[in-house]
Amino acid sequence: RDPDEERRLAYVALTRAIEQVTITWCDFRQGGSTM
């Protein structure tokens, strides 16, 4: 994936919220550990 395009998508996602935005992540996904 294009890292610059990923960053622009992050910006799009964050700016869809008018009042409140929540970011979540987890320690394990699809059987593997993550960060």
PDB file of all heavy atoms in Angstrom:
ATOM      1  N   ARG A   1       0.818  -1.202   0.000  1.00  0.00           N
ATOM      2  CA  ARG A   1       0.000   0.000   0.000  1.00  0.00           C
ATOM      3  C   ARG A   1       0.859   1.262   0.000  1.00  0.00           C
ATOM      4  O   ARG A   1       1.958   1.298   0.525  1.00  0.00           O
ATOM      5  CB  ARG A   1      -0.945  -0.007   1.205  1.00  0.00           C
ATOM      6  CG  ARG A   1      -2.000  -1.126   1.113  1.00  0.00           C
ATOM      7  CD  ARG A   1      -3.189  -0.822   2.008  1.00  0.00           C
ATOM      8  NE  ARG A   1      -4.235  -1.817   1.789  1.00  0.00           N
ATOM      9  CZ  ARG A   1      -4.438  -2.860   2.565  1.00  0.00           C
ATOM     10  NH1 ARG A   1      -3.655  -3.064   3.593  1.00  0.00           N
ATOM     11  NH2 ARG A   1      -5.407  -3.706   2.315  1.00  0.00           N
ATOM     12  N   ASP A   2       0.298   2.324  -0.581  1.00  0.00           N
ATOM     13  CA  ASP A   2       0.965   3.618  -0.676  1.00  0.00           C
ATOM     14  C   ASP A   2       0.877   4.306   0.689  1.00  0.00           C
ATOM     15  O   ASP A   2      -0.213   4.651   1.145  1.00  0.00           O
ATOM     16  CB  ASP A   2       0.266   4.450  -1.756  1.00  0.00           C
ATOM     17  CG  ASP A   2       0.863   5.832  -1.903  1.00  0.00           C
ATOM     18  OD1 ASP A   2       1.755   6.195  -1.108  1.00  0.00           O
ATOM     19  OD2 ASP A   2       0.436   6.568  -2.807  1.00  0.00           O
ATOM     20  N   PRO A   3       2.003   4.546   1.381  1.00  0.00           N
ATOM     21  CA  PRO A   3       1.949   5.145   2.718  1.00  0.00           C
ATOM     22  C   PRO A   3       1.341   6.540   2.723  1.00  0.00           C
ATOM     23  O   PRO A   3       0.673   6.917   3.696  1.00  0.00           O
ATOM     24  CB  PRO A   3       3.423   5.161   3.159  1.00  0.00           C
ATOM     25  CG  PRO A   3       4.218   5.037   1.899  1.00  0.00           C
ATOM     26  CD  PRO A   3       3.384   4.229   0.968  1.00  0.00           C
ATOM     27  N   ASP A   4       1.557   7.305   1.647  1.00  0.00           N
ATOM     28  CA  ASP A   4       0.968   8.642   1.594  1.00  0.00           C
ATOM     29  C   ASP A   4      -0.552   8.577   1.452  1.00  0.00           C
ATOM     30  O   ASP A   4      -1.283   9.374   2.057  1.00  0.00           O
ATOM     31  CB  ASP A   4       1.568   9.437   0.434  1.00  0.00           C
ATOM     32  CG  ASP A   4       3.056   9.727   0.639  1.00  0.00           C
ATOM     33  OD1 ASP A   4       3.483   9.780   1.818  1.00  0.00           O
ATOM     34  OD2 ASP A   4       3.782   9.886  -0.355  1.00  0.00           O
ATOM     35  N   GLU A   5      -1.021   7.601   0.668  1.00  0.00           N
ATOM     36  CA  GLU A   5      -2.461   7.430   0.519  1.00  0.00           C
ATOM     37  C   GLU A   5      -3.083   6.968   1.842  1.00  0.00           C
ATOM     38  O   GLU A   5      -4.183   7.400   2.207  1.00  0.00           O
ATOM     39  CB  GLU A   5      -2.764   6.403  -0.579  1.00  0.00           C
ATOM     40  CG  GLU A   5      -4.227   6.007  -0.717  1.00  0.00           C
ATOM     41  CD  GLU A   5      -5.151   7.151  -1.082  1.00  0.00           C
ATOM     42  OE1 GLU A   5      -4.663   8.227  -1.497  1.00  0.00           O
ATOM     43  OE2 GLU A   5      -6.384   6.972  -0.955  1.00  0.00           O
ATOM     44  N   GLU A   6      -2.377   6.110   2.571  1.00  0.00           N
ATOM     45  CA  GLU A   6      -2.861   5.668   3.874  1.00  0.00           C
ATOM     46  C   GLU A   6      -3.001   6.859   4.826  1.00  0.00           C
ATOM     47  O   GLU A   6      -3.967   6.962   5.573  1.00  0.00           O
ATOM     48  CB  GLU A   6      -1.900   4.641   4.472  1.00  0.00           C
ATOM     49  CG  GLU A   6      -1.792   3.353   3.680  1.00  0.00           C
ATOM     50  CD  GLU A   6      -3.002   2.461   3.872  1.00  0.00           C
ATOM     51  OE1 GLU A   6      -3.097   1.753   4.885  1.00  0.00           O
ATOM     52  OE2 GLU A   6      -3.879   2.473   2.974  1.00  0.00           O
ATOM     53  N   ARG A   7      -2.032   7.756   4.778  1.00  0.00           N
ATOM     54  CA  ARG A   7      -2.088   8.943   5.642  1.00  0.00           C
ATOM     55  C   ARG A   7      -3.277   9.821   5.277  1.00  0.00           C
ATOM     56  O   ARG A   7      -3.980  10.346   6.152  1.00  0.00           O
ATOM     57  CB  ARG A   7      -0.783   9.730   5.513  1.00  0.00           C
ATOM     58  CG  ARG A   7      -0.743  10.989   6.369  1.00  0.00           C
ATOM     59  CD  ARG A   7       0.599  11.680   6.260  1.00  0.00           C
ATOM     60  NE  ARG A   7       1.662  10.818   6.761  1.00  0.00           N
ATOM     61  CZ  ARG A   7       1.899  10.587   8.050  1.00  0.00           C
ATOM     62  NH1 ARG A   7       1.135  11.173   8.961  1.00  0.00           N
ATOM     63  NH2 ARG A   7       2.867   9.806   8.419  1.00  0.00           N
ATOM     64  N   ARG A   8      -3.527   9.978   3.979  1.00  0.00           N
ATOM     65  CA  ARG A   8      -4.670  10.788   3.559  1.00  0.00           C
ATOM     66  C   ARG A   8      -5.984  10.152   4.004  1.00  0.00           C
ATOM     67  O   ARG A   8      -6.937  10.849   4.359  1.00  0.00           O
ATOM     68  CB  ARG A   8      -4.632  11.014   2.049  1.00  0.00           C
ATOM     69  CG  ARG A   8      -3.522  11.982   1.614  1.00  0.00           C
ATOM     70  CD  ARG A   8      -3.608  12.338   0.150  1.00  0.00           C
ATOM     71  NE  ARG A   8      -3.130  11.263  -0.720  1.00  0.00           N
ATOM     72  CZ  ARG A   8      -1.859  11.122  -1.098  1.00  0.00           C
ATOM     73  NH1 ARG A   8      -0.935  11.969  -0.663  1.00  0.00           N
ATOM     74  NH2 ARG A   8      -1.502  10.134  -1.894  1.00  0.00           N
ATOM     75  N   LEU A   9      -6.035   8.813   3.986  1.00  0.00           N
ATOM     76  CA  LEU A   9      -7.229   8.125   4.463  1.00  0.00           C
ATOM     77  C   LEU A   9      -7.419   8.329   5.967  1.00  0.00           C
ATOM     78  O   LEU A   9      -8.549   8.442   6.452  1.00  0.00           O
ATOM     79  CB  LEU A   9      -7.151   6.636   4.136  1.00  0.00           C
ATOM     80  CG  LEU A   9      -7.394   6.251   2.680  1.00  0.00           C
ATOM     81  CD1 LEU A   9      -7.115   4.775   2.466  1.00  0.00           C
ATOM     82  CD2 LEU A   9      -8.829   6.590   2.259  1.00  0.00           C
ATOM     83  N   ALA A  10      -6.314   8.358   6.704  1.00  0.00           N
ATOM     84  CA  ALA A  10      -6.397   8.623   8.142  1.00  0.00           C
ATOM     85  C   ALA A  10      -6.998  10.007   8.383  1.00  0.00           C
ATOM     86  O   ALA A  10      -7.842  10.198   9.273  1.00  0.00           O
ATOM     87  CB  ALA A  10      -5.012   8.528   8.782  1.00  0.00           C
ATOM     88  N   TYR A  11      -6.561  10.965   7.574  1.00  0.00           N
ATOM     89  CA  TYR A  11      -7.090  12.324   7.682  1.00  0.00           C
ATOM     90  C   TYR A  11      -8.579  12.345   7.358  1.00  0.00           C
ATOM     91  O   TYR A  11      -9.377  12.982   8.061  1.00  0.00           O
ATOM     92  CB  TYR A  11      -6.313  13.248   6.740  1.00  0.00           C
ATOM     93  CG  TYR A  11      -6.897  14.634   6.622  1.00  0.00           C
ATOM     94  CD1 TYR A  11      -6.752  15.559   7.652  1.00  0.00           C
ATOM     95  CD2 TYR A  11      -7.596  15.011   5.475  1.00  0.00           C
ATOM     96  CE1 TYR A  11      -7.295  16.827   7.547  1.00  0.00           C
ATOM     97  CE2 TYR A  11      -8.135  16.280   5.357  1.00  0.00           C
ATOM     98  CZ  TYR A  11      -7.987  17.189   6.399  1.00  0.00           C
ATOM     99  OH  TYR A  11      -8.524  18.429   6.289  1.00  0.00           O
ATOM    100  N   VAL A  12      -8.967  11.652   6.288  1.00  0.00           N
ATOM    101  CA  VAL A  12     -10.381  11.568   5.913  1.00  0.00           C
ATOM    102  C   VAL A  12     -11.195  10.987   7.063  1.00  0.00           C
ATOM    103  O   VAL A  12     -12.240  11.517   7.447  1.00  0.00           O
ATOM    104  CB  VAL A  12     -10.562  10.706   4.641  1.00  0.00           C
ATOM    105  CG1 VAL A  12     -12.034  10.338   4.438  1.00  0.00           C
ATOM    106  CG2 VAL A  12     -10.043  11.444   3.420  1.00  0.00           C
ATOM    107  N   ALA A  13     -10.710   9.876   7.626  1.00  0.00           N
ATOM    108  CA  ALA A  13     -11.452   9.196   8.686  1.00  0.00           C
ATOM    109  C   ALA A  13     -11.643  10.099   9.905  1.00  0.00           C
ATOM    110  O   ALA A  13     -12.751  10.218  10.447  1.00  0.00           O
ATOM    111  CB  ALA A  13     -10.720   7.911   9.087  1.00  0.00           C
ATOM    112  N   LEU A  14     -10.576  10.750  10.331  1.00  0.00           N
ATOM    113  CA  LEU A  14     -10.653  11.598  11.520  1.00  0.00           C
ATOM    114  C   LEU A  14     -11.587  12.786  11.320  1.00  0.00           C
ATOM    115  O   LEU A  14     -12.282  13.207  12.248  1.00  0.00           O
ATOM    116  CB  LEU A  14      -9.263  12.102  11.900  1.00  0.00           C
ATOM    117  CG  LEU A  14      -8.327  11.081  12.552  1.00  0.00           C
ATOM    118  CD1 LEU A  14      -6.907  11.621  12.588  1.00  0.00           C
ATOM    119  CD2 LEU A  14      -8.807  10.748  13.959  1.00  0.00           C
ATOM    120  N   THR A  15     -11.601  13.333  10.124  1.00  0.00           N
ATOM    121  CA  THR A  15     -12.382  14.544   9.882  1.00  0.00           C
ATOM    122  C   THR A  15     -13.823  14.256   9.473  1.00  0.00           C
ATOM    123  O   THR A  15     -14.546  15.177   9.101  1.00  0.00           O
ATOM    124  CB  THR A  15     -11.694  15.415   8.815  1.00  0.00           C
ATOM    125  OG1 THR A  15     -11.480  14.634   7.627  1.00  0.00           O
ATOM    126  CG2 THR A  15     -10.377  15.957   9.325  1.00  0.00           C
ATOM    127  N   ARG A  16     -14.260  12.991   9.553  1.00  0.00           N
ATOM    128  CA  ARG A  16     -15.681  12.700   9.317  1.00  0.00           C
ATOM    129  C   ARG A  16     -16.508  13.002  10.557  1.00  0.00           C
ATOM    130  O   ARG A  16     -17.730  13.083  10.486  1.00  0.00           O
ATOM    131  CB  ARG A  16     -15.889  11.226   8.942  1.00  0.00           C
ATOM    132  CG  ARG A  16     -15.226  10.727   7.659  1.00  0.00           C
ATOM    133  CD  ARG A  16     -15.449  11.635   6.471  1.00  0.00           C
ATOM    134  NE  ARG A  16     -14.408  12.647   6.410  1.00  0.00           N
ATOM    135  CZ  ARG A  16     -14.502  13.766   5.682  1.00  0.00           C
ATOM    136  NH1 ARG A  16     -15.593  14.019   4.985  1.00  0.00           N
ATOM    137  NH2 ARG A  16     -13.505  14.638   5.663  1.00  0.00           N
ATOM    138  N   ALA A  17     -15.859  13.164  11.708  1.00  0.00           N
ATOM    139  CA  ALA A  17     -16.582  13.357  12.965  1.00  0.00           C
ATOM    140  C   ALA A  17     -16.845  14.834  13.225  1.00  0.00           C
ATOM    141  O   ALA A  17     -15.930  15.656  13.170  1.00  0.00           O
ATOM    142  CB  ALA A  17     -15.783  12.766  14.117  1.00  0.00           C
ATOM    143  N   ILE A  18     -18.105  15.161  13.501  1.00  0.00           N
ATOM    144  CA  ILE A  18     -18.475  16.550  13.813  1.00  0.00           C
ATOM    145  C   ILE A  18     -18.226  16.850  15.288  1.00  0.00           C
ATOM    146  O   ILE A  18     -17.736  17.924  15.639  1.00  0.00           O
ATOM    147  CB  ILE A  18     -19.961  16.788  13.472  1.00  0.00           C
ATOM    148  CG1 ILE A  18     -20.196  16.586  11.967  1.00  0.00           C
ATOM    149  CG2 ILE A  18     -20.397  18.191  13.892  1.00  0.00           C
ATOM    150  CD1 ILE A  18     -21.662  16.596  11.575  1.00  0.00           C
ATOM    151  N   GLU A  19     -18.563  15.898  16.170  1.00  0.00           N
ATOM    152  CA  GLU A  19     -18.472  16.169  17.603  1.00  0.00           C
ATOM    153  C   GLU A  19     -17.454  15.280  18.329  1.00  0.00           C
ATOM    154  O   GLU A  19     -16.745  15.758  19.203  1.00  0.00           O
ATOM    155  CB  GLU A  19     -19.851  15.986  18.253  1.00  0.00           C
ATOM    156  CG  GLU A  19     -20.860  17.015  17.785  1.00  0.00           C
ATOM    157  CD  GLU A  19     -22.220  16.832  18.449  1.00  0.00           C
ATOM    158  OE1 GLU A  19     -22.323  15.983  19.370  1.00  0.00           O
ATOM    159  OE2 GLU A  19     -23.164  17.525  18.044  1.00  0.00           O
ATOM    160  N   GLN A  20     -17.437  13.984  17.997  1.00  0.00           N
ATOM    161  CA  GLN A  20     -16.586  13.071  18.762  1.00  0.00           C
ATOM    162  C   GLN A  20     -16.036  11.973  17.858  1.00  0.00           C
ATOM    163  O   GLN A  20     -16.767  11.392  17.067  1.00  0.00           O
ATOM    164  CB  GLN A  20     -17.391  12.419  19.890  1.00  0.00           C
ATOM    165  CG  GLN A  20     -16.621  11.405  20.713  1.00  0.00           C
ATOM    166  CD  GLN A  20     -15.517  12.040  21.548  1.00  0.00           C
ATOM    167  OE1 GLN A  20     -15.780  12.741  22.509  1.00  0.00           O
ATOM    168  NE2 GLN A  20     -14.269  11.806  21.175  1.00  0.00           N
ATOM    169  N   VAL A  21     -14.722  11.723  17.985  1.00  0.00           N
ATOM    170  CA  VAL A  21     -14.102  10.634  17.241  1.00  0.00           C
ATOM    171  C   VAL A  21     -13.393   9.708  18.227  1.00  0.00           C
ATOM    172  O   VAL A  21     -12.796  10.164  19.208  1.00  0.00           O
ATOM    173  CB  VAL A  21     -13.123  11.160  16.165  1.00  0.00           C
ATOM    174  CG1 VAL A  21     -11.986  11.949  16.789  1.00  0.00           C
ATOM    175  CG2 VAL A  21     -12.582  10.022  15.318  1.00  0.00           C
ATOM    176  N   THR A  22     -13.504   8.413  17.960  1.00  0.00           N
ATOM    177  CA  THR A  22     -12.918   7.398  18.835  1.00  0.00           C
ATOM    178  C   THR A  22     -12.053   6.461  18.005  1.00  0.00           C
ATOM    179  O   THR A  22     -12.514   5.915  16.999  1.00  0.00           O
ATOM    180  CB  THR A  22     -14.018   6.576  19.534  1.00  0.00           C
ATOM    181  OG1 THR A  22     -14.898   7.455  20.234  1.00  0.00           O
ATOM    182  CG2 THR A  22     -13.403   5.573  20.497  1.00  0.00           C
ATOM    183  N   ILE A  23     -10.809   6.283  18.403  1.00  0.00           N
ATOM    184  CA  ILE A  23      -9.887   5.357  17.735  1.00  0.00           C
ATOM    185  C   ILE A  23      -9.672   4.166  18.658  1.00  0.00           C
ATOM    186  O   ILE A  23      -9.431   4.330  19.856  1.00  0.00           O
ATOM    187  CB  ILE A  23      -8.531   6.037  17.448  1.00  0.00           C
ATOM    188  CG1 ILE A  23      -8.703   7.173  16.431  1.00  0.00           C
ATOM    189  CG2 ILE A  23      -7.507   5.028  16.940  1.00  0.00           C
ATOM    190  CD1 ILE A  23      -7.455   8.009  16.236  1.00  0.00           C
ATOM    191  N   THR A  24      -9.766   2.959  18.098  1.00  0.00           N
ATOM    192  CA  THR A  24      -9.524   1.765  18.904  1.00  0.00           C
ATOM    193  C   THR A  24      -8.553   0.825  18.200  1.00  0.00           C
ATOM    194  O   THR A  24      -8.393   0.873  16.991  1.00  0.00           O
ATOM    195  CB  THR A  24     -10.838   1.009  19.200  1.00  0.00           C
ATOM    196  OG1 THR A  24     -11.451   0.633  17.960  1.00  0.00           O
ATOM    197  CG2 THR A  24     -11.799   1.865  20.001  1.00  0.00           C
ATOM    198  N   TRP A  25      -7.924  -0.026  18.974  1.00  0.00           N
ATOM    199  CA  TRP A  25      -7.005  -1.031  18.447  1.00  0.00           C
ATOM    200  C   TRP A  25      -7.005  -2.209  19.420  1.00  0.00           C
ATOM    201  O   TRP A  25      -7.549  -2.098  20.520  1.00  0.00           O
ATOM    202  CB  TRP A  25      -5.592  -0.464  18.306  1.00  0.00           C
ATOM    203  CG  TRP A  25      -5.000   0.081  19.573  1.00  0.00           C
ATOM    204  CD1 TRP A  25      -5.197   1.318  20.123  1.00  0.00           C
ATOM    205  CD2 TRP A  25      -4.139  -0.617  20.479  1.00  0.00           C
ATOM    206  NE1 TRP A  25      -4.507   1.440  21.311  1.00  0.00           N
ATOM    207  CE2 TRP A  25      -3.850   0.265  21.548  1.00  0.00           C
ATOM    208  CE3 TRP A  25      -3.571  -1.892  20.487  1.00  0.00           C
ATOM    209  CZ2 TRP A  25      -3.023  -0.086  22.615  1.00  0.00           C
ATOM    210  CZ3 TRP A  25      -2.746  -2.259  21.545  1.00  0.00           C
ATOM    211  CH2 TRP A  25      -2.480  -1.342  22.591  1.00  0.00           C
ATOM    212  N   CYS A  26      -6.477  -3.339  19.007  1.00  0.00           N
ATOM    213  CA  CYS A  26      -6.409  -4.480  19.921  1.00  0.00           C
ATOM    214  C   CYS A  26      -5.056  -5.170  19.853  1.00  0.00           C
ATOM    215  O   CYS A  26      -4.294  -4.995  18.902  1.00  0.00           O
ATOM    216  CB  CYS A  26      -7.548  -5.457  19.704  1.00  0.00           C
ATOM    217  SG  CYS A  26      -7.922  -5.886  18.025  1.00  0.00           S
ATOM    218  N   ASP A  27      -4.769  -5.948  20.895  1.00  0.00           N
ATOM    219  CA  ASP A  27      -3.479  -6.632  21.015  1.00  0.00           C
ATOM    220  C   ASP A  27      -3.342  -7.801  20.051  1.00  0.00           C
ATOM    221  O   ASP A  27      -2.247  -8.121  19.598  1.00  0.00           O
ATOM    222  CB  ASP A  27      -3.288  -7.153  22.448  1.00  0.00           C
ATOM    223  CG  ASP A  27      -3.152  -6.029  23.463  1.00  0.00           C
ATOM    224  OD1 ASP A  27      -2.478  -5.032  23.152  1.00  0.00           O
ATOM    225  OD2 ASP A  27      -3.715  -6.155  24.565  1.00  0.00           O
ATOM    226  N   PHE A  28      -4.478  -8.464  19.752  1.00  0.00           N
ATOM    227  CA  PHE A  28      -4.460  -9.645  18.887  1.00  0.00           C
ATOM    228  C   PHE A  28      -5.555  -9.532  17.827  1.00  0.00           C
ATOM    229  O   PHE A  28      -6.687  -9.207  18.145  1.00  0.00           O
ATOM    230  CB  PHE A  28      -4.678 -10.928  19.710  1.00  0.00           C
ATOM    231  CG  PHE A  28      -3.635 -11.154  20.760  1.00  0.00           C
ATOM    232  CD1 PHE A  28      -3.831 -10.709  22.051  1.00  0.00           C
ATOM    233  CD2 PHE A  28      -2.455 -11.822  20.448  1.00  0.00           C
ATOM    234  CE1 PHE A  28      -2.865 -10.904  23.025  1.00  0.00           C
ATOM    235  CE2 PHE A  28      -1.481 -12.022  21.412  1.00  0.00           C
ATOM    236  CZ  PHE A  28      -1.687 -11.567  22.700  1.00  0.00           C
ATOM    237  N   ARG A  29      -5.174  -9.785  16.581  1.00  0.00           N
ATOM    238  CA  ARG A  29      -6.150  -9.805  15.494  1.00  0.00           C
ATOM    239  C   ARG A  29      -5.718 -10.877  14.502  1.00  0.00           C
ATOM    240  O   ARG A  29      -4.549 -11.004  14.178  1.00  0.00           O
ATOM    241  CB  ARG A  29      -6.254  -8.436  14.809  1.00  0.00           C
ATOM    242  CG  ARG A  29      -7.471  -8.332  13.866  1.00  0.00           C
ATOM    243  CD  ARG A  29      -7.544  -6.962  13.212  1.00  0.00           C
ATOM    244  NE  ARG A  29      -7.695  -5.889  14.174  1.00  0.00           N
ATOM    245  CZ  ARG A  29      -8.873  -5.496  14.675  1.00  0.00           C
ATOM    246  NH1 ARG A  29      -9.980  -6.101  14.303  1.00  0.00           N
ATOM    247  NH2 ARG A  29      -8.923  -4.504  15.543  1.00  0.00           N
ATOM    248  N   GLN A  30      -6.671 -11.663  14.042  1.00  0.00           N
ATOM    249  CA  GLN A  30      -6.422 -12.756  13.100  1.00  0.00           C
ATOM    250  C   GLN A  30      -5.321 -13.694  13.594  1.00  0.00           C
ATOM    251  O   GLN A  30      -4.432 -14.091  12.848  1.00  0.00           O
ATOM    252  CB  GLN A  30      -6.082 -12.216  11.710  1.00  0.00           C
ATOM    253  CG  GLN A  30      -7.294 -11.677  10.969  1.00  0.00           C
ATOM    254  CD  GLN A  30      -7.069 -11.574   9.482  1.00  0.00           C
ATOM    255  OE1 GLN A  30      -5.948 -11.440   9.022  1.00  0.00           O
ATOM    256  NE2 GLN A  30      -8.144 -11.624   8.729  1.00  0.00           N
ATOM    257  N   GLY A  31      -5.369 -14.003  14.876  1.00  0.00           N
ATOM    258  CA  GLY A  31      -4.465 -14.996  15.435  1.00  0.00           C
ATOM    259  C   GLY A  31      -3.054 -14.516  15.708  1.00  0.00           C
ATOM    260  O   GLY A  31      -2.220 -15.289  16.174  1.00  0.00           O
ATOM    261  N   GLY A  32      -2.755 -13.254  15.448  1.00  0.00           N
ATOM    262  CA  GLY A  32      -1.407 -12.742  15.689  1.00  0.00           C
ATOM    263  C   GLY A  32      -1.414 -11.506  16.563  1.00  0.00           C
ATOM    264  O   GLY A  32      -2.412 -10.798  16.649  1.00  0.00           O
ATOM    265  N   SER A  33      -0.293 -11.263  17.225  1.00  0.00           N
ATOM    266  CA  SER A  33      -0.188 -10.068  18.060  1.00  0.00           C
ATOM    267  C   SER A  33       0.078  -8.853  17.183  1.00  0.00           C
ATOM    268  O   SER A  33       0.627  -8.958  16.091  1.00  0.00           O
ATOM    269  CB  SER A  33       0.938 -10.231  19.086  1.00  0.00           C
ATOM    270  OG  SER A  33       2.180 -10.414  18.429  1.00  0.00           O
ATOM    271  N   THR A  34      -0.332  -7.712  17.667  1.00  0.00           N
ATOM    272  CA  THR A  34      -0.151  -6.486  16.907  1.00  0.00           C
ATOM    273  C   THR A  34       0.181  -5.343  17.858  1.00  0.00           C
ATOM    274  O   THR A  34       0.351  -5.548  19.059  1.00  0.00           O
ATOM    275  CB  THR A  34      -1.413  -6.177  16.077  1.00  0.00           C
ATOM    276  OG1 THR A  34      -1.182  -5.020  15.273  1.00  0.00           O
ATOM    277  CG2 THR A  34      -2.619  -5.931  16.959  1.00  0.00           C
ATOM    278  N   MET A  35       0.263  -4.152  17.331  1.00  0.00           N
ATOM    279  CA  MET A  35       0.567  -2.982  18.142  1.00  0.00           C
ATOM    280  C   MET A  35      -0.161  -1.777  17.541  1.00  0.00           C
ATOM    281  O   MET A  35      -0.607  -1.821  16.397  1.00  0.00           O
ATOM    282  CB  MET A  35       2.077  -2.725  18.184  1.00  0.00           C
ATOM    283  CG  MET A  35       2.709  -2.579  16.828  1.00  0.00           C
ATOM    284  SD  MET A  35       4.488  -2.199  16.863  1.00  0.00           S
ATOM    285  CE  MET A  35       5.039  -3.054  18.289  1.00  0.00           C
TER     286      MET A  35
END
